[in-house]
Amino acid sequence: MDVVISDHARFEIVRRQLSEEAVRNVAENPQQVVKLKKERKVYQSRYYDPTEDKEMILRVICEERLNQLFVVTAYRTSRIDKYWKKEG
């Protein structure tokens, strides 16, 4: 599925100092997918951030449109307990 990054998502990626490549990687190969309301899903992966010196989650909010994964926005968070869904 092709990944398409919206203008808003591109703006937020720059503003939040994220890598567009990292956002694409998470959208294409997430460690976890969480369904939101309506047609949106969160594609997310955990990683170690050496700048913050802690484990973080990169969350990519997407909509599936035809054969495209449309990135609405992306952000990182250290609130793993809140956002990471435990198995089972």
N, C-alpha and C. Protein backbone atom coordinates (compact mmCIF):
# COMPACT_ATOMS: atom_id res chain seq x y z
N MET A 1 0.85 -1.18 0.00
CA MET A 1 0.00 0.00 0.00
C MET A 1 0.90 1.24 0.00
N ASP A 2 0.59 2.19 -0.85
CA ASP A 2 1.35 3.44 -0.92
C ASP A 2 1.07 4.31 0.30
N VAL A 3 2.11 4.94 0.83
CA VAL A 3 1.97 5.86 1.95
C VAL A 3 1.98 7.28 1.39
N VAL A 4 0.90 8.03 1.68
CA VAL A 4 0.77 9.42 1.24
C VAL A 4 0.74 10.30 2.49
N ILE A 5 1.63 11.28 2.56
CA ILE A 5 1.70 12.16 3.72
C ILE A 5 0.98 13.46 3.40
N SER A 6 -0.02 13.79 4.22
CA SER A 6 -0.80 15.01 4.01
C SER A 6 0.06 16.25 4.26
N ASP A 7 -0.39 17.38 3.75
CA ASP A 7 0.32 18.64 4.00
C ASP A 7 0.39 18.93 5.50
N HIS A 8 -0.72 18.68 6.20
CA HIS A 8 -0.74 18.91 7.65
C HIS A 8 0.28 18.01 8.35
N ALA A 9 0.31 16.74 7.98
CA ALA A 9 1.26 15.81 8.59
C ALA A 9 2.69 16.24 8.30
N ARG A 10 2.95 16.67 7.09
CA ARG A 10 4.30 17.12 6.73
C ARG A 10 4.70 18.32 7.59
N PHE A 11 3.77 19.26 7.80
CA PHE A 11 4.01 20.43 8.65
C PHE A 11 4.34 19.99 10.08
N GLU A 12 3.54 19.05 10.61
CA GLU A 12 3.75 18.58 11.98
C GLU A 12 5.05 17.78 12.12
N ILE A 13 5.41 17.03 11.11
CA ILE A 13 6.67 16.28 11.13
C ILE A 13 7.85 17.23 11.28
N VAL A 14 7.82 18.32 10.52
CA VAL A 14 8.89 19.33 10.62
C VAL A 14 8.84 20.02 11.97
N ARG A 15 7.66 20.45 12.38
CA ARG A 15 7.51 21.19 13.64
C ARG A 15 7.94 20.35 14.84
N ARG A 16 7.64 19.06 14.79
CA ARG A 16 7.97 18.18 15.91
C ARG A 16 9.35 17.54 15.77
N GLN A 17 10.08 17.95 14.77
CA GLN A 17 11.44 17.48 14.50
C GLN A 17 11.51 15.96 14.38
N LEU A 18 10.57 15.42 13.61
CA LEU A 18 10.55 14.00 13.32
C LEU A 18 11.19 13.76 11.96
N SER A 19 11.55 12.54 11.70
CA SER A 19 12.07 12.16 10.40
C SER A 19 10.93 11.63 9.54
N GLU A 20 10.79 12.16 8.33
CA GLU A 20 9.75 11.66 7.43
C GLU A 20 9.99 10.18 7.12
N GLU A 21 11.25 9.81 7.03
CA GLU A 21 11.60 8.41 6.78
C GLU A 21 11.11 7.52 7.93
N ALA A 22 11.29 7.97 9.17
CA ALA A 22 10.82 7.20 10.33
C ALA A 22 9.30 7.07 10.32
N VAL A 23 8.61 8.15 9.96
CA VAL A 23 7.15 8.12 9.88
C VAL A 23 6.71 7.11 8.82
N ARG A 24 7.34 7.13 7.66
CA ARG A 24 7.01 6.17 6.60
C ARG A 24 7.28 4.73 7.06
N ASN A 25 8.42 4.53 7.74
CA ASN A 25 8.77 3.19 8.23
C ASN A 25 7.72 2.65 9.19
N VAL A 26 7.25 3.50 10.11
CA VAL A 26 6.23 3.06 11.07
C VAL A 26 4.91 2.78 10.34
N ALA A 27 4.55 3.63 9.39
CA ALA A 27 3.31 3.42 8.63
C ALA A 27 3.36 2.10 7.84
N GLU A 28 4.53 1.78 7.31
CA GLU A 28 4.68 0.57 6.49
C GLU A 28 4.90 -0.69 7.33
N ASN A 29 5.56 -0.56 8.48
CA ASN A 29 5.92 -1.72 9.30
C ASN A 29 5.71 -1.42 10.79
N PRO A 30 4.49 -1.19 11.21
CA PRO A 30 4.25 -0.85 12.62
C PRO A 30 4.43 -2.07 13.53
N GLN A 31 4.83 -1.81 14.76
CA GLN A 31 4.86 -2.88 15.75
C GLN A 31 3.45 -3.14 16.27
N GLN A 32 2.59 -2.13 16.16
CA GLN A 32 1.23 -2.25 16.68
C GLN A 32 0.29 -1.33 15.89
N VAL A 33 -0.94 -1.79 15.69
CA VAL A 33 -1.97 -0.96 15.05
C VAL A 33 -3.16 -0.90 16.00
N VAL A 34 -3.61 0.33 16.29
CA VAL A 34 -4.73 0.54 17.21
C VAL A 34 -5.83 1.26 16.45
N LYS A 35 -7.04 0.70 16.48
CA LYS A 35 -8.17 1.30 15.77
C LYS A 35 -8.72 2.47 16.58
N LEU A 36 -8.97 3.58 15.90
CA LEU A 36 -9.60 4.75 16.50
C LEU A 36 -11.04 4.83 16.02
N LYS A 37 -11.69 5.94 16.28
CA LYS A 37 -13.05 6.15 15.79
C LYS A 37 -13.04 6.27 14.27
N LYS A 38 -14.16 5.92 13.69
CA LYS A 38 -14.38 6.00 12.25
C LYS A 38 -13.32 5.20 11.50
N GLU A 39 -12.72 5.81 10.48
CA GLU A 39 -11.80 5.08 9.61
C GLU A 39 -10.34 5.25 9.98
N ARG A 40 -10.03 5.91 11.08
CA ARG A 40 -8.64 6.17 11.45
C ARG A 40 -8.05 5.06 12.32
N LYS A 41 -6.74 4.86 12.10
CA LYS A 41 -5.97 3.90 12.90
C LYS A 41 -4.65 4.56 13.29
N VAL A 42 -4.12 4.12 14.42
CA VAL A 42 -2.80 4.56 14.85
C VAL A 42 -1.83 3.43 14.54
N TYR A 43 -0.83 3.74 13.75
CA TYR A 43 0.27 2.82 13.48
C TYR A 43 1.40 3.29 14.39
N GLN A 44 1.89 2.40 15.26
CA GLN A 44 2.87 2.86 16.22
C GLN A 44 3.97 1.85 16.45
N SER A 45 5.14 2.38 16.84
CA SER A 45 6.30 1.54 17.16
C SER A 45 7.06 2.18 18.31
N ARG A 46 7.64 1.33 19.13
CA ARG A 46 8.48 1.79 20.24
C ARG A 46 9.92 1.88 19.77
N TYR A 47 10.67 2.81 20.37
CA TYR A 47 12.08 2.96 20.05
C TYR A 47 12.78 3.69 21.19
N TYR A 48 14.10 3.58 21.23
CA TYR A 48 14.89 4.30 22.23
C TYR A 48 15.35 5.62 21.62
N ASP A 49 15.07 6.71 22.30
CA ASP A 49 15.48 8.04 21.84
C ASP A 49 16.71 8.46 22.64
N PRO A 50 17.89 8.50 22.00
CA PRO A 50 19.11 8.86 22.74
C PRO A 50 19.12 10.31 23.22
N THR A 51 18.43 11.19 22.52
CA THR A 51 18.36 12.59 22.95
C THR A 51 17.58 12.72 24.25
N GLU A 52 16.45 12.04 24.33
CA GLU A 52 15.62 12.06 25.53
C GLU A 52 16.11 11.06 26.59
N ASP A 53 16.96 10.12 26.16
CA ASP A 53 17.50 9.07 27.01
C ASP A 53 16.39 8.22 27.63
N LYS A 54 15.40 7.87 26.79
CA LYS A 54 14.32 7.01 27.26
C LYS A 54 13.58 6.38 26.08
N GLU A 55 12.78 5.37 26.41
CA GLU A 55 11.98 4.71 25.39
C GLU A 55 10.79 5.60 25.03
N MET A 56 10.48 5.65 23.75
CA MET A 56 9.40 6.49 23.23
C MET A 56 8.54 5.65 22.29
N ILE A 57 7.39 6.22 21.92
CA ILE A 57 6.53 5.65 20.88
C ILE A 57 6.39 6.69 19.78
N LEU A 58 6.58 6.27 18.54
CA LEU A 58 6.25 7.13 17.40
C LEU A 58 4.87 6.69 16.94
N ARG A 59 3.90 7.60 17.00
CA ARG A 59 2.51 7.31 16.65
C ARG A 59 2.18 8.02 15.33
N VAL A 60 1.69 7.27 14.37
CA VAL A 60 1.33 7.79 13.06
C VAL A 60 -0.16 7.54 12.85
N ILE A 61 -0.94 8.63 12.77
CA ILE A 61 -2.39 8.53 12.62
C ILE A 61 -2.70 8.48 11.12
N CYS A 62 -3.41 7.42 10.71
CA CYS A 62 -3.63 7.19 9.28
C CYS A 62 -5.09 6.86 8.97
N GLU A 63 -5.43 7.06 7.70
CA GLU A 63 -6.70 6.61 7.14
C GLU A 63 -6.37 5.77 5.91
N GLU A 64 -7.06 4.66 5.76
CA GLU A 64 -6.90 3.84 4.56
C GLU A 64 -7.86 4.35 3.50
N ARG A 65 -7.31 4.76 2.36
CA ARG A 65 -8.12 5.30 1.26
C ARG A 65 -7.74 4.57 -0.02
N LEU A 66 -8.69 3.81 -0.54
CA LEU A 66 -8.44 3.00 -1.73
C LEU A 66 -7.19 2.17 -1.49
N ASN A 67 -6.16 2.29 -2.29
CA ASN A 67 -4.93 1.53 -2.06
C ASN A 67 -3.83 2.40 -1.48
N GLN A 68 -4.23 3.38 -0.66
CA GLN A 68 -3.26 4.29 -0.06
C GLN A 68 -3.45 4.36 1.45
N LEU A 69 -2.34 4.55 2.13
CA LEU A 69 -2.35 4.82 3.56
C LEU A 69 -2.07 6.31 3.69
N PHE A 70 -3.10 7.08 4.07
CA PHE A 70 -3.03 8.53 4.12
C PHE A 70 -2.65 8.96 5.54
N VAL A 71 -1.46 9.55 5.69
CA VAL A 71 -0.97 9.98 7.01
C VAL A 71 -1.60 11.32 7.35
N VAL A 72 -2.37 11.35 8.44
CA VAL A 72 -3.06 12.55 8.90
C VAL A 72 -2.12 13.40 9.76
N THR A 73 -1.42 12.74 10.70
CA THR A 73 -0.45 13.43 11.55
C THR A 73 0.45 12.39 12.19
N ALA A 74 1.50 12.86 12.86
CA ALA A 74 2.43 11.97 13.55
C ALA A 74 3.04 12.72 14.73
N TYR A 75 3.31 11.95 15.78
CA TYR A 75 3.97 12.55 16.95
C TYR A 75 4.65 11.46 17.76
N ARG A 76 5.54 11.87 18.64
CA ARG A 76 6.19 10.92 19.54
C ARG A 76 5.75 11.22 20.96
N THR A 77 5.77 10.19 21.78
CA THR A 77 5.38 10.34 23.18
C THR A 77 6.18 9.36 24.04
N SER A 78 6.37 9.73 25.29
CA SER A 78 7.02 8.83 26.25
C SER A 78 5.98 8.13 27.11
N ARG A 79 4.71 8.40 26.88
CA ARG A 79 3.63 7.83 27.70
C ARG A 79 3.24 6.43 27.21
N ILE A 80 4.17 5.53 27.37
CA ILE A 80 4.00 4.16 26.88
C ILE A 80 2.84 3.47 27.58
N ASP A 81 2.73 3.61 28.89
CA ASP A 81 1.64 2.95 29.63
C ASP A 81 0.26 3.38 29.13
N LYS A 82 0.14 4.62 28.69
CA LYS A 82 -1.15 5.12 28.21
C LYS A 82 -1.48 4.62 26.81
N TYR A 83 -0.49 4.61 25.91
CA TYR A 83 -0.77 4.37 24.50
C TYR A 83 -0.45 2.96 23.99
N TRP A 84 0.44 2.23 24.66
CA TRP A 84 0.81 0.91 24.17
C TRP A 84 -0.21 -0.11 24.66
N LYS A 85 -0.84 -0.81 23.74
CA LYS A 85 -1.87 -1.79 24.08
C LYS A 85 -1.20 -3.13 24.39
N LYS A 86 -1.47 -3.63 25.57
CA LYS A 86 -0.89 -4.90 25.98
C LYS A 86 -1.62 -6.05 25.29
N GLU A 87 -0.88 -7.10 24.98
CA GLU A 87 -1.46 -8.27 24.31
C GLU A 87 -2.46 -8.95 25.25
N GLY A 88 -3.54 -9.47 24.65
CA GLY A 88 -4.48 -10.25 25.42
C GLY A 88 -5.46 -9.46 26.10
